[in-house]
Amino acid sequence: MIKRKRFTFRKKNKLTNKSGFQMVYRVGKAYVDYYSVLYVLSTGSENLRIGLAVGKKLGNAVLRNRLKRKMREVFRHQQQLLKPGYDLVWVARKALINSEIAVYQRIFLRLAKKAGIMNSHNKD
């Protein structure tokens, strides 16, 4: 029997409350790209949590939710490449609106590498 890796996005991986977001914004470090910003805060816990932020200036609710779905999907597939013990907030910028999912993945991995949160055995 072949054991497959499961790509899940569980509740323990979600940064949900306002105070959690504010803590990451205030204390964490920002890594900026043309397409998005990744805020990273070391927590020392065993969980890796992410919050997604898409401002109202980017479009209506349908468009904002589509962006968040793509961002969530990228995190879901790439989370095993990241070190645990961090809270992340990934903020979308206007340039991300019409991008393909491959662009989301490339941007997320580039920002994670820049932040130094990639597992050492996964670095290129």
PDB file of N, CA and C in Angstrom:
ATOM      1  N   MET A   1       0.834  -1.182   0.000  1.00  0.00           N
ATOM      2  CA  MET A   1       0.000   0.000   0.000  1.00  0.00           C
ATOM      3  C   MET A   1       0.879   1.245   0.000  1.00  0.00           C
ATOM      4  N   ILE A   2       0.627   2.152  -0.913  1.00  0.00           N
ATOM      5  CA  ILE A   2       1.395   3.386  -1.031  1.00  0.00           C
ATOM      6  C   ILE A   2       0.760   4.445  -0.141  1.00  0.00           C
ATOM      7  N   LYS A   3       1.607   5.050   0.680  1.00  0.00           N
ATOM      8  CA  LYS A   3       1.112   6.117   1.555  1.00  0.00           C
ATOM      9  C   LYS A   3       1.275   7.449   0.832  1.00  0.00           C
ATOM     10  N   ARG A   4       0.180   8.155   0.648  1.00  0.00           N
ATOM     11  CA  ARG A   4       0.201   9.433  -0.059  1.00  0.00           C
ATOM     12  C   ARG A   4       0.256  10.581   0.928  1.00  0.00           C
ATOM     13  N   LYS A   5       0.940  11.644   0.513  1.00  0.00           N
ATOM     14  CA  LYS A   5       0.940  12.857   1.331  1.00  0.00           C
ATOM     15  C   LYS A   5      -0.405  13.538   1.174  1.00  0.00           C
ATOM     16  N   ARG A   6      -0.948  13.991   2.285  1.00  0.00           N
ATOM     17  CA  ARG A   6      -2.230  14.684   2.247  1.00  0.00           C
ATOM     18  C   ARG A   6      -1.986  16.180   2.297  1.00  0.00           C
ATOM     19  N   PHE A   7      -2.572  16.875   1.381  1.00  0.00           N
ATOM     20  CA  PHE A   7      -2.477  18.328   1.339  1.00  0.00           C
ATOM     21  C   PHE A   7      -3.760  18.887   1.926  1.00  0.00           C
ATOM     22  N   THR A   8      -3.710  19.230   3.198  1.00  0.00           N
ATOM     23  CA  THR A   8      -4.910  19.722   3.864  1.00  0.00           C
ATOM     24  C   THR A   8      -4.676  21.120   4.403  1.00  0.00           C
ATOM     25  N   PHE A   9      -5.758  21.797   4.650  1.00  0.00           N
ATOM     26  CA  PHE A   9      -5.719  23.124   5.250  1.00  0.00           C
ATOM     27  C   PHE A   9      -6.652  23.075   6.443  1.00  0.00           C
ATOM     28  N   ARG A  10      -6.098  22.694   7.582  1.00  0.00           N
ATOM     29  CA  ARG A  10      -6.899  22.496   8.785  1.00  0.00           C
ATOM     30  C   ARG A  10      -7.063  23.786   9.569  1.00  0.00           C
ATOM     31  N   LYS A  11      -7.976  23.742  10.518  1.00  0.00           N
ATOM     32  CA  LYS A  11      -8.249  24.897  11.359  1.00  0.00           C
ATOM     33  C   LYS A  11      -7.015  25.327  12.144  1.00  0.00           C
ATOM     34  N   LYS A  12      -6.175  24.372  12.534  1.00  0.00           N
ATOM     35  CA  LYS A  12      -4.962  24.709  13.281  1.00  0.00           C
ATOM     36  C   LYS A  12      -3.965  25.492  12.432  1.00  0.00           C
ATOM     37  N   ASN A  13      -4.137  25.479  11.104  1.00  0.00           N
ATOM     38  CA  ASN A  13      -3.261  26.219  10.203  1.00  0.00           C
ATOM     39  C   ASN A  13      -3.810  27.598   9.836  1.00  0.00           C
ATOM     40  N   LYS A  14      -4.947  27.975  10.415  1.00  0.00           N
ATOM     41  CA  LYS A  14      -5.573  29.250  10.072  1.00  0.00           C
ATOM     42  C   LYS A  14      -5.329  30.292  11.153  1.00  0.00           C
ATOM     43  N   LEU A  15      -4.961  31.454  10.736  1.00  0.00           N
ATOM     44  CA  LEU A  15      -4.858  32.610  11.621  1.00  0.00           C
ATOM     45  C   LEU A  15      -6.181  33.350  11.439  1.00  0.00           C
ATOM     46  N   THR A  16      -7.020  33.351  12.467  1.00  0.00           N
ATOM     47  CA  THR A  16      -8.393  33.809  12.259  1.00  0.00           C
ATOM     48  C   THR A  16      -8.764  35.101  12.969  1.00  0.00           C
ATOM     49  N   ASN A  17      -8.242  35.339  14.163  1.00  0.00           N
ATOM     50  CA  ASN A  17      -8.738  36.501  14.899  1.00  0.00           C
ATOM     51  C   ASN A  17      -7.924  37.767  14.625  1.00  0.00           C
ATOM     52  N   LYS A  18      -8.542  38.888  14.852  1.00  0.00           N
ATOM     53  CA  LYS A  18      -7.949  40.188  14.569  1.00  0.00           C
ATOM     54  C   LYS A  18      -6.665  40.403  15.365  1.00  0.00           C
ATOM     55  N   SER A  19      -6.661  39.971  16.629  1.00  0.00           N
ATOM     56  CA  SER A  19      -5.476  40.181  17.462  1.00  0.00           C
ATOM     57  C   SER A  19      -4.279  39.397  16.930  1.00  0.00           C
ATOM     58  N   GLY A  20      -4.516  38.223  16.365  1.00  0.00           N
ATOM     59  CA  GLY A  20      -3.440  37.443  15.756  1.00  0.00           C
ATOM     60  C   GLY A  20      -2.843  38.153  14.560  1.00  0.00           C
ATOM     61  N   PHE A  21      -3.709  38.700  13.701  1.00  0.00           N
ATOM     62  CA  PHE A  21      -3.250  39.462  12.541  1.00  0.00           C
ATOM     63  C   PHE A  21      -2.449  40.680  13.000  1.00  0.00           C
ATOM     64  N   GLN A  22      -2.996  41.406  13.980  1.00  0.00           N
ATOM     65  CA  GLN A  22      -2.339  42.626  14.452  1.00  0.00           C
ATOM     66  C   GLN A  22      -0.962  42.333  15.041  1.00  0.00           C
ATOM     67  N   MET A  23      -0.834  41.225  15.755  1.00  0.00           N
ATOM     68  CA  MET A  23       0.449  40.844  16.331  1.00  0.00           C
ATOM     69  C   MET A  23       1.485  40.581  15.234  1.00  0.00           C
ATOM     70  N   VAL A  24       1.072  39.873  14.191  1.00  0.00           N
ATOM     71  CA  VAL A  24       1.989  39.582  13.082  1.00  0.00           C
ATOM     72  C   VAL A  24       2.368  40.876  12.366  1.00  0.00           C
ATOM     73  N   TYR A  25       1.405  41.759  12.134  1.00  0.00           N
ATOM     74  CA  TYR A  25       1.697  43.042  11.490  1.00  0.00           C
ATOM     75  C   TYR A  25       2.656  43.887  12.333  1.00  0.00           C
ATOM     76  N   ARG A  26       2.404  43.939  13.631  1.00  0.00           N
ATOM     77  CA  ARG A  26       3.153  44.830  14.513  1.00  0.00           C
ATOM     78  C   ARG A  26       4.553  44.308  14.831  1.00  0.00           C
ATOM     79  N   VAL A  27       4.660  43.025  15.163  1.00  0.00           N
ATOM     80  CA  VAL A  27       5.920  42.471  15.645  1.00  0.00           C
ATOM     81  C   VAL A  27       6.696  41.730  14.550  1.00  0.00           C
ATOM     82  N   GLY A  28       5.973  41.166  13.583  1.00  0.00           N
ATOM     83  CA  GLY A  28       6.610  40.368  12.538  1.00  0.00           C
ATOM     84  C   GLY A  28       7.395  41.203  11.545  1.00  0.00           C
ATOM     85  N   LYS A  29       8.107  40.512  10.680  1.00  0.00           N
ATOM     86  CA  LYS A  29       8.927  41.154   9.655  1.00  0.00           C
ATOM     87  C   LYS A  29       8.227  41.008   8.307  1.00  0.00           C
ATOM     88  N   ALA A  30       8.287  42.043   7.500  1.00  0.00           N
ATOM     89  CA  ALA A  30       7.604  42.051   6.201  1.00  0.00           C
ATOM     90  C   ALA A  30       8.600  41.751   5.079  1.00  0.00           C
ATOM     91  N   TYR A  31       8.161  40.936   4.134  1.00  0.00           N
ATOM     92  CA  TYR A  31       8.935  40.624   2.933  1.00  0.00           C
ATOM     93  C   TYR A  31       8.067  41.033   1.755  1.00  0.00           C
ATOM     94  N   VAL A  32       8.555  42.000   0.997  1.00  0.00           N
ATOM     95  CA  VAL A  32       7.733  42.679  -0.003  1.00  0.00           C
ATOM     96  C   VAL A  32       8.104  42.233  -1.412  1.00  0.00           C
ATOM     97  N   ASP A  33       7.087  42.106  -2.233  1.00  0.00           N
ATOM     98  CA  ASP A  33       7.214  41.742  -3.635  1.00  0.00           C
ATOM     99  C   ASP A  33       6.260  42.649  -4.417  1.00  0.00           C
ATOM    100  N   TYR A  34       6.426  42.709  -5.708  1.00  0.00           N
ATOM    101  CA  TYR A  34       5.542  43.490  -6.557  1.00  0.00           C
ATOM    102  C   TYR A  34       4.101  42.997  -6.466  1.00  0.00           C
ATOM    103  N   TYR A  35       3.925  41.690  -6.290  1.00  0.00           N
ATOM    104  CA  TYR A  35       2.605  41.070  -6.280  1.00  0.00           C
ATOM    105  C   TYR A  35       1.968  40.984  -4.903  1.00  0.00           C
ATOM    106  N   SER A  36       2.778  40.855  -3.861  1.00  0.00           N
ATOM    107  CA  SER A  36       2.214  40.649  -2.529  1.00  0.00           C
ATOM    108  C   SER A  36       3.241  40.956  -1.443  1.00  0.00           C
ATOM    109  N   VAL A  37       2.771  40.885  -0.191  1.00  0.00           N
ATOM    110  CA  VAL A  37       3.624  41.087   0.977  1.00  0.00           C
ATOM    111  C   VAL A  37       3.401  39.893   1.901  1.00  0.00           C
ATOM    112  N   LEU A  38       4.481  39.359   2.459  1.00  0.00           N
ATOM    113  CA  LEU A  38       4.391  38.262   3.407  1.00  0.00           C
ATOM    114  C   LEU A  38       4.959  38.738   4.733  1.00  0.00           C
ATOM    115  N   TYR A  39       4.100  38.755   5.754  1.00  0.00           N
ATOM    116  CA  TYR A  39       4.525  39.098   7.111  1.00  0.00           C
ATOM    117  C   TYR A  39       4.796  37.791   7.850  1.00  0.00           C
ATOM    118  N   VAL A  40       5.930  37.737   8.556  1.00  0.00           N
ATOM    119  CA  VAL A  40       6.344  36.511   9.230  1.00  0.00           C
ATOM    120  C   VAL A  40       6.659  36.814  10.687  1.00  0.00           C
ATOM    121  N   LEU A  41       6.103  36.001  11.583  1.00  0.00           N
ATOM    122  CA  LEU A  41       6.366  36.131  13.013  1.00  0.00           C
ATOM    123  C   LEU A  41       6.683  34.749  13.574  1.00  0.00           C
ATOM    124  N   SER A  42       7.835  34.610  14.211  1.00  0.00           N
ATOM    125  CA  SER A  42       8.212  33.353  14.839  1.00  0.00           C
ATOM    126  C   SER A  42       7.437  33.198  16.140  1.00  0.00           C
ATOM    127  N   THR A  43       6.795  32.033  16.308  1.00  0.00           N
ATOM    128  CA  THR A  43       5.993  31.797  17.509  1.00  0.00           C
ATOM    129  C   THR A  43       6.593  30.736  18.417  1.00  0.00           C
ATOM    130  N   GLY A  44       7.430  29.879  17.877  1.00  0.00           N
ATOM    131  CA  GLY A  44       8.019  28.811  18.670  1.00  0.00           C
ATOM    132  C   GLY A  44       7.087  27.635  18.906  1.00  0.00           C
ATOM    133  N   SER A  45       5.877  27.685  18.371  1.00  0.00           N
ATOM    134  CA  SER A  45       4.940  26.567  18.532  1.00  0.00           C
ATOM    135  C   SER A  45       5.215  25.523  17.453  1.00  0.00           C
ATOM    136  N   GLU A  46       4.473  24.425  17.495  1.00  0.00           N
ATOM    137  CA  GLU A  46       4.680  23.381  16.492  1.00  0.00           C
ATOM    138  C   GLU A  46       3.809  23.585  15.256  1.00  0.00           C
ATOM    139  N   ASN A  47       2.941  24.588  15.282  1.00  0.00           N
ATOM    140  CA  ASN A  47       2.037  24.840  14.159  1.00  0.00           C
ATOM    141  C   ASN A  47       2.560  25.944  13.251  1.00  0.00           C
ATOM    142  N   LEU A  48       2.188  25.830  12.003  1.00  0.00           N
ATOM    143  CA  LEU A  48       2.429  26.870  11.014  1.00  0.00           C
ATOM    144  C   LEU A  48       1.057  27.415  10.655  1.00  0.00           C
ATOM    145  N   ARG A  49       0.815  28.703  10.947  1.00  0.00           N
ATOM    146  CA  ARG A  49      -0.502  29.289  10.686  1.00  0.00           C
ATOM    147  C   ARG A  49      -0.370  30.411   9.666  1.00  0.00           C
ATOM    148  N   ILE A  50      -1.404  30.555   8.844  1.00  0.00           N
ATOM    149  CA  ILE A  50      -1.405  31.612   7.840  1.00  0.00           C
ATOM    150  C   ILE A  50      -2.743  32.344   7.862  1.00  0.00           C
ATOM    151  N   GLY A  51      -2.673  33.650   7.653  1.00  0.00           N
ATOM    152  CA  GLY A  51      -3.848  34.479   7.466  1.00  0.00           C
ATOM    153  C   GLY A  51      -3.735  35.126   6.098  1.00  0.00           C
ATOM    154  N   LEU A  52      -4.839  35.271   5.424  1.00  0.00           N
ATOM    155  CA  LEU A  52      -4.847  35.851   4.082  1.00  0.00           C
ATOM    156  C   LEU A  52      -5.573  37.185   4.126  1.00  0.00           C
ATOM    157  N   ALA A  53      -4.997  38.187   3.478  1.00  0.00           N
ATOM    158  CA  ALA A  53      -5.597  39.519   3.479  1.00  0.00           C
ATOM    159  C   ALA A  53      -5.692  40.041   2.048  1.00  0.00           C
ATOM    160  N   VAL A  54      -6.907  40.400   1.666  1.00  0.00           N
ATOM    161  CA  VAL A  54      -7.160  40.988   0.355  1.00  0.00           C
ATOM    162  C   VAL A  54      -8.047  42.201   0.603  1.00  0.00           C
ATOM    163  N   GLY A  55      -7.511  43.391   0.390  1.00  0.00           N
ATOM    164  CA  GLY A  55      -8.231  44.622   0.684  1.00  0.00           C
ATOM    165  C   GLY A  55      -9.375  44.910  -0.272  1.00  0.00           C
ATOM    166  N   LYS A  56     -10.305  45.734   0.185  1.00  0.00           N
ATOM    167  CA  LYS A  56     -11.480  46.077  -0.617  1.00  0.00           C
ATOM    168  C   LYS A  56     -11.133  46.879  -1.864  1.00  0.00           C
ATOM    169  N   LYS A  57      -9.969  47.529  -1.864  1.00  0.00           N
ATOM    170  CA  LYS A  57      -9.559  48.303  -3.040  1.00  0.00           C
ATOM    171  C   LYS A  57      -9.292  47.407  -4.248  1.00  0.00           C
ATOM    172  N   LEU A  58      -9.086  46.110  -4.009  1.00  0.00           N
ATOM    173  CA  LEU A  58      -8.754  45.197  -5.102  1.00  0.00           C
ATOM    174  C   LEU A  58      -9.966  44.752  -5.906  1.00  0.00           C
ATOM    175  N   GLY A  59     -11.166  44.927  -5.364  1.00  0.00           N
ATOM    176  CA  GLY A  59     -12.343  44.544  -6.138  1.00  0.00           C
ATOM    177  C   GLY A  59     -13.495  44.124  -5.252  1.00  0.00           C
ATOM    178  N   ASN A  60     -14.531  43.594  -5.896  1.00  0.00           N
ATOM    179  CA  ASN A  60     -15.720  43.185  -5.157  1.00  0.00           C
ATOM    180  C   ASN A  60     -15.477  41.870  -4.410  1.00  0.00           C
ATOM    181  N   ALA A  61     -16.441  41.433  -3.648  1.00  0.00           N
ATOM    182  CA  ALA A  61     -16.298  40.255  -2.792  1.00  0.00           C
ATOM    183  C   ALA A  61     -15.992  38.994  -3.592  1.00  0.00           C
ATOM    184  N   VAL A  62     -16.591  38.861  -4.764  1.00  0.00           N
ATOM    185  CA  VAL A  62     -16.363  37.677  -5.592  1.00  0.00           C
ATOM    186  C   VAL A  62     -14.891  37.600  -5.989  1.00  0.00           C
ATOM    187  N   LEU A  63     -14.328  38.706  -6.423  1.00  0.00           N
ATOM    188  CA  LEU A  63     -12.924  38.750  -6.831  1.00  0.00           C
ATOM    189  C   LEU A  63     -11.994  38.528  -5.635  1.00  0.00           C
ATOM    190  N   ARG A  64     -12.294  39.159  -4.522  1.00  0.00           N
ATOM    191  CA  ARG A  64     -11.453  39.002  -3.324  1.00  0.00           C
ATOM    192  C   ARG A  64     -11.465  37.556  -2.836  1.00  0.00           C
ATOM    193  N   ASN A  65     -12.631  36.917  -2.854  1.00  0.00           N
ATOM    194  CA  ASN A  65     -12.712  35.519  -2.433  1.00  0.00           C
ATOM    195  C   ASN A  65     -11.980  34.594  -3.392  1.00  0.00           C
ATOM    196  N   ARG A  66     -12.006  34.895  -4.680  1.00  0.00           N
ATOM    197  CA  ARG A  66     -11.272  34.103  -5.668  1.00  0.00           C
ATOM    198  C   ARG A  66      -9.768  34.190  -5.404  1.00  0.00           C
ATOM    199  N   LEU A  67      -9.292  35.403  -5.112  1.00  0.00           N
ATOM    200  CA  LEU A  67      -7.879  35.576  -4.789  1.00  0.00           C
ATOM    201  C   LEU A  67      -7.500  34.761  -3.553  1.00  0.00           C
ATOM    202  N   LYS A  68      -8.332  34.834  -2.525  1.00  0.00           N
ATOM    203  CA  LYS A  68      -8.043  34.096  -1.287  1.00  0.00           C
ATOM    204  C   LYS A  68      -8.071  32.585  -1.505  1.00  0.00           C
ATOM    205  N   ARG A  69      -8.980  32.101  -2.356  1.00  0.00           N
ATOM    206  CA  ARG A  69      -9.025  30.667  -2.652  1.00  0.00           C
ATOM    207  C   ARG A  69      -7.725  30.210  -3.310  1.00  0.00           C
ATOM    208  N   LYS A  70      -7.233  31.010  -4.259  1.00  0.00           N
ATOM    209  CA  LYS A  70      -5.969  30.658  -4.922  1.00  0.00           C
ATOM    210  C   LYS A  70      -4.803  30.706  -3.941  1.00  0.00           C
ATOM    211  N   MET A  71      -4.765  31.728  -3.086  1.00  0.00           N
ATOM    212  CA  MET A  71      -3.700  31.850  -2.102  1.00  0.00           C
ATOM    213  C   MET A  71      -3.737  30.662  -1.130  1.00  0.00           C
ATOM    214  N   ARG A  72      -4.925  30.292  -0.686  1.00  0.00           N
ATOM    215  CA  ARG A  72      -5.095  29.170   0.230  1.00  0.00           C
ATOM    216  C   ARG A  72      -4.632  27.866  -0.418  1.00  0.00           C
ATOM    217  N   GLU A  73      -4.955  27.696  -1.679  1.00  0.00           N
ATOM    218  CA  GLU A  73      -4.565  26.492  -2.413  1.00  0.00           C
ATOM    219  C   GLU A  73      -3.044  26.387  -2.520  1.00  0.00           C
ATOM    220  N   VAL A  74      -2.392  27.495  -2.793  1.00  0.00           N
ATOM    221  CA  VAL A  74      -0.925  27.491  -2.866  1.00  0.00           C
ATOM    222  C   VAL A  74      -0.333  27.125  -1.515  1.00  0.00           C
ATOM    223  N   PHE A  75      -0.821  27.735  -0.444  1.00  0.00           N
ATOM    224  CA  PHE A  75      -0.321  27.399   0.888  1.00  0.00           C
ATOM    225  C   PHE A  75      -0.560  25.934   1.202  1.00  0.00           C
ATOM    226  N   ARG A  76      -1.716  25.428   0.867  1.00  0.00           N
ATOM    227  CA  ARG A  76      -2.076  24.045   1.150  1.00  0.00           C
ATOM    228  C   ARG A  76      -1.073  23.069   0.518  1.00  0.00           C
ATOM    229  N   HIS A  77      -0.653  23.366  -0.713  1.00  0.00           N
ATOM    230  CA  HIS A  77       0.279  22.487  -1.411  1.00  0.00           C
ATOM    231  C   HIS A  77       1.735  22.705  -0.996  1.00  0.00           C
ATOM    232  N   GLN A  78       2.078  23.877  -0.499  1.00  0.00           N
ATOM    233  CA  GLN A  78       3.471  24.185  -0.189  1.00  0.00           C
ATOM    234  C   GLN A  78       3.811  24.134   1.294  1.00  0.00           C
ATOM    235  N   GLN A  79       2.843  23.933   2.171  1.00  0.00           N
ATOM    236  CA  GLN A  79       3.096  24.014   3.606  1.00  0.00           C
ATOM    237  C   GLN A  79       4.102  22.987   4.104  1.00  0.00           C
ATOM    238  N   GLN A  80       4.204  21.837   3.439  1.00  0.00           N
ATOM    239  CA  GLN A  80       5.169  20.834   3.893  1.00  0.00           C
ATOM    240  C   GLN A  80       6.605  21.275   3.628  1.00  0.00           C
ATOM    241  N   LEU A  81       6.806  22.283   2.789  1.00  0.00           N
ATOM    242  CA  LEU A  81       8.147  22.812   2.517  1.00  0.00           C
ATOM    243  C   LEU A  81       8.586  23.853   3.542  1.00  0.00           C
ATOM    244  N   LEU A  82       7.667  24.267   4.417  1.00  0.00           N
ATOM    245  CA  LEU A  82       7.946  25.346   5.358  1.00  0.00           C
ATOM    246  C   LEU A  82       8.202  24.818   6.762  1.00  0.00           C
ATOM    247  N   LYS A  83       9.018  25.555   7.500  1.00  0.00           N
ATOM    248  CA  LYS A  83       9.304  25.206   8.892  1.00  0.00           C
ATOM    249  C   LYS A  83       8.081  25.505   9.753  1.00  0.00           C
ATOM    250  N   PRO A  84       7.801  24.664  10.741  1.00  0.00           N
ATOM    251  CA  PRO A  84       6.714  24.969  11.676  1.00  0.00           C
ATOM    252  C   PRO A  84       7.163  26.040  12.675  1.00  0.00           C
ATOM    253  N   GLY A  85       6.199  26.614  13.386  1.00  0.00           N
ATOM    254  CA  GLY A  85       6.522  27.588  14.427  1.00  0.00           C
ATOM    255  C   GLY A  85       6.471  29.029  13.959  1.00  0.00           C
ATOM    256  N   TYR A  86       5.688  29.299  12.922  1.00  0.00           N
ATOM    257  CA  TYR A  86       5.562  30.658  12.406  1.00  0.00           C
ATOM    258  C   TYR A  86       4.101  31.006  12.186  1.00  0.00           C
ATOM    259  N   ASP A  87       3.796  32.279  12.359  1.00  0.00           N
ATOM    260  CA  ASP A  87       2.516  32.838  11.939  1.00  0.00           C
ATOM    261  C   ASP A  87       2.812  33.699  10.723  1.00  0.00           C
ATOM    262  N   LEU A  88       2.047  33.514   9.669  1.00  0.00           N
ATOM    263  CA  LEU A  88       2.233  34.252   8.425  1.00  0.00           C
ATOM    264  C   LEU A  88       0.965  35.022   8.100  1.00  0.00           C
ATOM    265  N   VAL A  89       1.136  36.192   7.511  1.00  0.00           N
ATOM    266  CA  VAL A  89       0.014  36.907   6.915  1.00  0.00           C
ATOM    267  C   VAL A  89       0.445  37.252   5.501  1.00  0.00           C
ATOM    268  N   TRP A  90      -0.317  36.737   4.533  1.00  0.00           N
ATOM    269  CA  TRP A  90      -0.010  36.957   3.118  1.00  0.00           C
ATOM    270  C   TRP A  90      -1.013  37.974   2.592  1.00  0.00           C
ATOM    271  N   VAL A  91      -0.510  39.144   2.184  1.00  0.00           N
ATOM    272  CA  VAL A  91      -1.349  40.246   1.732  1.00  0.00           C
ATOM    273  C   VAL A  91      -1.229  40.382   0.218  1.00  0.00           C
ATOM    274  N   ALA A  92      -2.354  40.336  -0.478  1.00  0.00           N
ATOM    275  CA  ALA A  92      -2.379  40.455  -1.929  1.00  0.00           C
ATOM    276  C   ALA A  92      -2.281  41.917  -2.348  1.00  0.00           C
ATOM    277  N   ARG A  93      -1.642  42.142  -3.481  1.00  0.00           N
ATOM    278  CA  ARG A  93      -1.596  43.463  -4.110  1.00  0.00           C
ATOM    279  C   ARG A  93      -2.308  43.394  -5.451  1.00  0.00           C
ATOM    280  N   LYS A  94      -2.574  44.560  -6.020  1.00  0.00           N
ATOM    281  CA  LYS A  94      -3.364  44.665  -7.246  1.00  0.00           C
ATOM    282  C   LYS A  94      -2.796  43.836  -8.406  1.00  0.00           C
ATOM    283  N   ALA A  95      -1.472  43.727  -8.502  1.00  0.00           N
ATOM    284  CA  ALA A  95      -0.841  42.988  -9.601  1.00  0.00           C
ATOM    285  C   ALA A  95      -1.202  41.501  -9.583  1.00  0.00           C
ATOM    286  N   LEU A  96      -1.665  40.993  -8.465  1.00  0.00           N
ATOM    287  CA  LEU A  96      -1.983  39.571  -8.328  1.00  0.00           C
ATOM    288  C   LEU A  96      -3.343  39.208  -8.919  1.00  0.00           C
ATOM    289  N   ILE A  97      -4.172  40.201  -9.183  1.00  0.00           N
ATOM    290  CA  ILE A  97      -5.567  39.954  -9.578  1.00  0.00           C
ATOM    291  C   ILE A  97      -5.706  39.035 -10.792  1.00  0.00           C
ATOM    292  N   ASN A  98      -5.041  39.343 -11.884  1.00  0.00           N
ATOM    293  CA  ASN A  98      -5.222  38.563 -13.112  1.00  0.00           C
ATOM    294  C   ASN A  98      -4.139  37.523 -13.335  1.00  0.00           C
ATOM    295  N   SER A  99      -3.417  37.162 -12.284  1.00  0.00           N
ATOM    296  CA  SER A  99      -2.318  36.209 -12.414  1.00  0.00           C
ATOM    297  C   SER A  99      -2.816  34.768 -12.349  1.00  0.00           C
ATOM    298  N   GLU A 100      -2.051  33.903 -12.980  1.00  0.00           N
ATOM    299  CA  GLU A 100      -2.337  32.469 -12.947  1.00  0.00           C
ATOM    300  C   GLU A 100      -1.879  31.882 -11.614  1.00  0.00           C
ATOM    301  N   ILE A 101      -2.364  30.699 -11.302  1.00  0.00           N
ATOM    302  CA  ILE A 101      -2.023  30.037 -10.039  1.00  0.00           C
ATOM    303  C   ILE A 101      -0.526  29.755  -9.946  1.00  0.00           C
ATOM    304  N   ALA A 102       0.136  29.520 -11.071  1.00  0.00           N
ATOM    305  CA  ALA A 102       1.589  29.274 -11.072  1.00  0.00           C
ATOM    306  C   ALA A 102       2.352  30.502 -10.578  1.00  0.00           C
ATOM    307  N   VAL A 103       1.831  31.680 -10.871  1.00  0.00           N
ATOM    308  CA  VAL A 103       2.452  32.919 -10.406  1.00  0.00           C
ATOM    309  C   VAL A 103       2.317  33.020  -8.884  1.00  0.00           C
ATOM    310  N   TYR A 104       1.165  32.673  -8.352  1.00  0.00           N
ATOM    311  CA  TYR A 104       0.940  32.674  -6.906  1.00  0.00           C
ATOM    312  C   TYR A 104       1.969  31.766  -6.224  1.00  0.00           C
ATOM    313  N   GLN A 105       2.135  30.579  -6.796  1.00  0.00           N
ATOM    314  CA  GLN A 105       3.064  29.610  -6.211  1.00  0.00           C
ATOM    315  C   GLN A 105       4.492  30.140  -6.246  1.00  0.00           C
ATOM    316  N   ARG A 106       4.913  30.676  -7.379  1.00  0.00           N
ATOM    317  CA  ARG A 106       6.273  31.202  -7.523  1.00  0.00           C
ATOM    318  C   ARG A 106       6.524  32.340  -6.538  1.00  0.00           C
ATOM    319  N   ILE A 107       5.548  33.229  -6.392  1.00  0.00           N
ATOM    320  CA  ILE A 107       5.680  34.370  -5.487  1.00  0.00           C
ATOM    321  C   ILE A 107       5.753  33.905  -4.034  1.00  0.00           C
ATOM    322  N   PHE A 108       4.864  32.992  -3.649  1.00  0.00           N
ATOM    323  CA  PHE A 108       4.848  32.515  -2.270  1.00  0.00           C
ATOM    324  C   PHE A 108       6.171  31.844  -1.914  1.00  0.00           C
ATOM    325  N   LEU A 109       6.671  30.985  -2.790  1.00  0.00           N
ATOM    326  CA  LEU A 109       7.938  30.300  -2.511  1.00  0.00           C
ATOM    327  C   LEU A 109       9.110  31.272  -2.467  1.00  0.00           C
ATOM    328  N   ARG A 110       9.096  32.270  -3.346  1.00  0.00           N
ATOM    329  CA  ARG A 110      10.174  33.271  -3.342  1.00  0.00           C
ATOM    330  C   ARG A 110      10.168  34.071  -2.040  1.00  0.00           C
ATOM    331  N   LEU A 111       8.994  34.492  -1.583  1.00  0.00           N
ATOM    332  CA  LEU A 111       8.907  35.254  -0.335  1.00  0.00           C
ATOM    333  C   LEU A 111       9.252  34.388   0.876  1.00  0.00           C
ATOM    334  N   ALA A 112       8.835  33.130   0.861  1.00  0.00           N
ATOM    335  CA  ALA A 112       9.159  32.221   1.969  1.00  0.00           C
ATOM    336  C   ALA A 112      10.663  31.971   2.031  1.00  0.00           C
ATOM    337  N   LYS A 113      11.281  31.831   0.886  1.00  0.00           N
ATOM    338  CA  LYS A 113      12.735  31.631   0.841  1.00  0.00           C
ATOM    339  C   LYS A 113      13.453  32.875   1.345  1.00  0.00           C
ATOM    340  N   LYS A 114      12.971  34.042   0.920  1.00  0.00           N
ATOM    341  CA  LYS A 114      13.546  35.309   1.365  1.00  0.00           C
ATOM    342  C   LYS A 114      13.409  35.457   2.877  1.00  0.00           C
ATOM    343  N   ALA A 115      12.304  34.970   3.434  1.00  0.00           N
ATOM    344  CA  ALA A 115      12.053  35.062   4.870  1.00  0.00           C
ATOM    345  C   ALA A 115      12.839  34.018   5.666  1.00  0.00           C
ATOM    346  N   GLY A 116      13.383  33.022   4.982  1.00  0.00           N
ATOM    347  CA  GLY A 116      14.149  31.990   5.656  1.00  0.00           C
ATOM    348  C   GLY A 116      13.301  30.973   6.392  1.00  0.00           C
ATOM    349  N   ILE A 117      12.085  30.739   5.920  1.00  0.00           N
ATOM    350  CA  ILE A 117      11.207  29.788   6.600  1.00  0.00           C
ATOM    351  C   ILE A 117      11.055  28.475   5.832  1.00  0.00           C
ATOM    352  N   MET A 118      11.882  28.276   4.821  1.00  0.00           N
ATOM    353  CA  MET A 118      11.872  27.012   4.079  1.00  0.00           C
ATOM    354  C   MET A 118      12.650  25.977   4.880  1.00  0.00           C
ATOM    355  N   ASN A 119      12.198  24.722   4.846  1.00  0.00           N
ATOM    356  CA  ASN A 119      12.944  23.637   5.473  1.00  0.00           C
ATOM    357  C   ASN A 119      14.305  23.531   4.812  1.00  0.00           C
ATOM    358  N   SER A 120      15.338  23.262   5.577  1.00  0.00           N
ATOM    359  CA  SER A 120      16.702  23.236   5.040  1.00  0.00           C
ATOM    360  C   SER A 120      16.899  22.155   3.988  1.00  0.00           C
ATOM    361  N   HIS A 121      16.218  21.037   4.109  1.00  0.00           N
ATOM    362  CA  HIS A 121      16.388  19.972   3.114  1.00  0.00           C
ATOM    363  C   HIS A 121      15.626  20.251   1.821  1.00  0.00           C
ATOM    364  N   ASN A 122      14.833  21.331   1.772  1.00  0.00           N
ATOM    365  CA  ASN A 122      14.072  21.674   0.570  1.00  0.00           C
ATOM    366  C   ASN A 122      14.652  22.852  -0.189  1.00  0.00           C
ATOM    367  N   LYS A 123      15.741  23.448   0.324  1.00  0.00           N
ATOM    368  CA  LYS A 123      16.312  24.607  -0.369  1.00  0.00           C
ATOM    369  C   LYS A 123      17.048  24.159  -1.615  1.00  0.00           C
ATOM    370  N   ASP A 124      16.976  24.984  -2.650  1.00  0.00           N
ATOM    371  CA  ASP A 124      17.681  24.672  -3.910  1.00  0.00           C
ATOM    372  C   ASP A 124      19.105  25.144  -3.866  1.00  0.00           C
TER     373      ASP A 124
END
